[in-house]
Amino acid sequence: MSFRDDQYYIEEVLNGRVDAFRPLVERHQDLVYTIVRRIIISDQEAEEVAQDVFVKAYRKLGEFRGKAKFSTWLYRIAYNTAISHT
């Protein structure tokens, strides 16, 4: 599968194409899990929190302004969600 840049998928999701979020998850899932796993000891809990991160990101995608990279924005959500979980 060839990936386009993150902004393309973000715009697609914001235009109602829900399935366009999947490539963003596939591209960034390792980053999110790594961040969460450094804070949360349990693998199972870390997986659940990582899923929560993507749910939050999806719900707040309209708030992403593009001033930073999407991965940076997602990193902050992952970090804050993991800290809140603990």
Protein backbone atom coordinates (compact mmCIF):
# COMPACT_ATOMS: atom_id res chain seq x y z
CA MET A 1 0.00 0.00 0.00
CA SER A 2 1.42 3.38 -0.92
CA PHE A 3 0.90 6.09 1.63
CA ARG A 4 0.16 9.70 0.93
CA ASP A 5 1.12 12.37 3.41
CA ASP A 6 -0.76 12.65 6.68
CA GLN A 7 -2.52 15.85 5.69
CA TYR A 8 -4.24 14.11 2.79
CA TYR A 9 -5.79 11.52 5.11
CA ILE A 10 -6.70 14.12 7.71
CA GLU A 11 -8.60 16.12 5.10
CA GLU A 12 -10.32 12.98 3.84
CA VAL A 13 -11.50 12.09 7.35
CA LEU A 14 -12.70 15.63 7.97
CA ASN A 15 -14.64 15.42 4.71
CA GLY A 16 -16.53 12.39 5.99
CA ARG A 17 -14.42 9.49 4.73
CA VAL A 18 -14.06 7.61 8.01
CA ASP A 19 -11.98 4.80 6.47
CA ALA A 20 -9.23 7.31 5.64
CA PHE A 21 -8.21 7.25 9.30
CA ARG A 22 -6.90 3.70 8.95
CA PRO A 23 -3.67 4.65 7.11
CA LEU A 24 -2.93 7.17 9.87
CA VAL A 25 -3.31 4.44 12.48
CA GLU A 26 -1.16 2.03 10.48
CA ARG A 27 1.55 4.62 10.00
CA HIS A 28 1.70 5.80 13.63
CA GLN A 29 0.68 2.78 15.71
CA ASP A 30 4.26 1.82 16.60
CA LEU A 31 5.07 5.35 17.74
CA VAL A 32 1.94 5.55 19.88
CA TYR A 33 2.45 2.13 21.44
CA THR A 34 6.11 2.89 22.22
CA ILE A 35 5.21 6.14 23.98
CA VAL A 36 2.42 4.54 25.97
CA ARG A 37 4.47 1.44 26.84
CA ARG A 38 7.23 3.57 28.36
CA ILE A 39 4.72 4.90 30.87
CA ILE A 40 2.44 1.90 31.38
CA ILE A 41 4.06 -1.36 32.46
CA SER A 42 1.40 -3.86 31.42
CA ASP A 43 1.34 -4.83 27.73
CA GLN A 44 -2.42 -5.35 27.82
CA GLU A 45 -3.08 -1.98 29.46
CA ALA A 46 -0.67 -0.28 27.06
CA GLU A 47 -2.55 -1.73 24.09
CA GLU A 48 -5.87 -0.48 25.49
CA VAL A 49 -4.48 2.98 26.13
CA ALA A 50 -2.95 3.09 22.64
CA GLN A 51 -6.40 2.34 21.22
CA ASP A 52 -7.83 5.13 23.37
CA VAL A 53 -5.22 7.48 21.93
CA PHE A 54 -6.45 6.84 18.39
CA VAL A 55 -10.08 7.25 19.44
CA LYS A 56 -9.22 10.60 21.03
CA ALA A 57 -7.21 11.66 18.00
CA TYR A 58 -10.09 10.75 15.69
CA ARG A 59 -12.60 12.69 17.77
CA LYS A 60 -10.34 15.75 18.01
CA LEU A 61 -9.02 15.66 14.46
CA GLY A 62 -10.91 18.85 13.65
CA GLU A 63 -8.79 20.62 16.25
CA PHE A 64 -5.53 19.69 14.50
CA ARG A 65 -4.26 22.93 12.98
CA GLY A 66 -1.18 21.68 11.21
CA LYS A 67 1.20 24.05 13.01
CA ALA A 68 3.20 20.97 14.00
CA LYS A 69 3.49 17.60 12.34
CA PHE A 70 0.60 15.21 12.90
CA SER A 71 3.00 12.81 14.63
CA THR A 72 3.95 15.53 17.15
CA TRP A 73 0.30 16.26 17.86
CA LEU A 74 -0.40 12.54 18.23
CA TYR A 75 2.63 12.15 20.51
CA ARG A 76 1.16 14.71 22.92
CA ILE A 77 -2.17 12.92 22.96
CA ALA A 78 -0.42 9.59 23.59
CA TYR A 79 1.74 10.98 26.37
CA ASN A 80 -1.11 12.81 28.10
CA THR A 81 -3.46 9.84 27.81
CA ALA A 82 -0.88 7.46 29.27
CA ILE A 83 -0.11 9.83 32.14
CA SER A 84 -3.82 10.30 32.85
CA HIS A 85 -4.30 6.55 32.84
CA THR A 86 -1.67 6.09 35.52
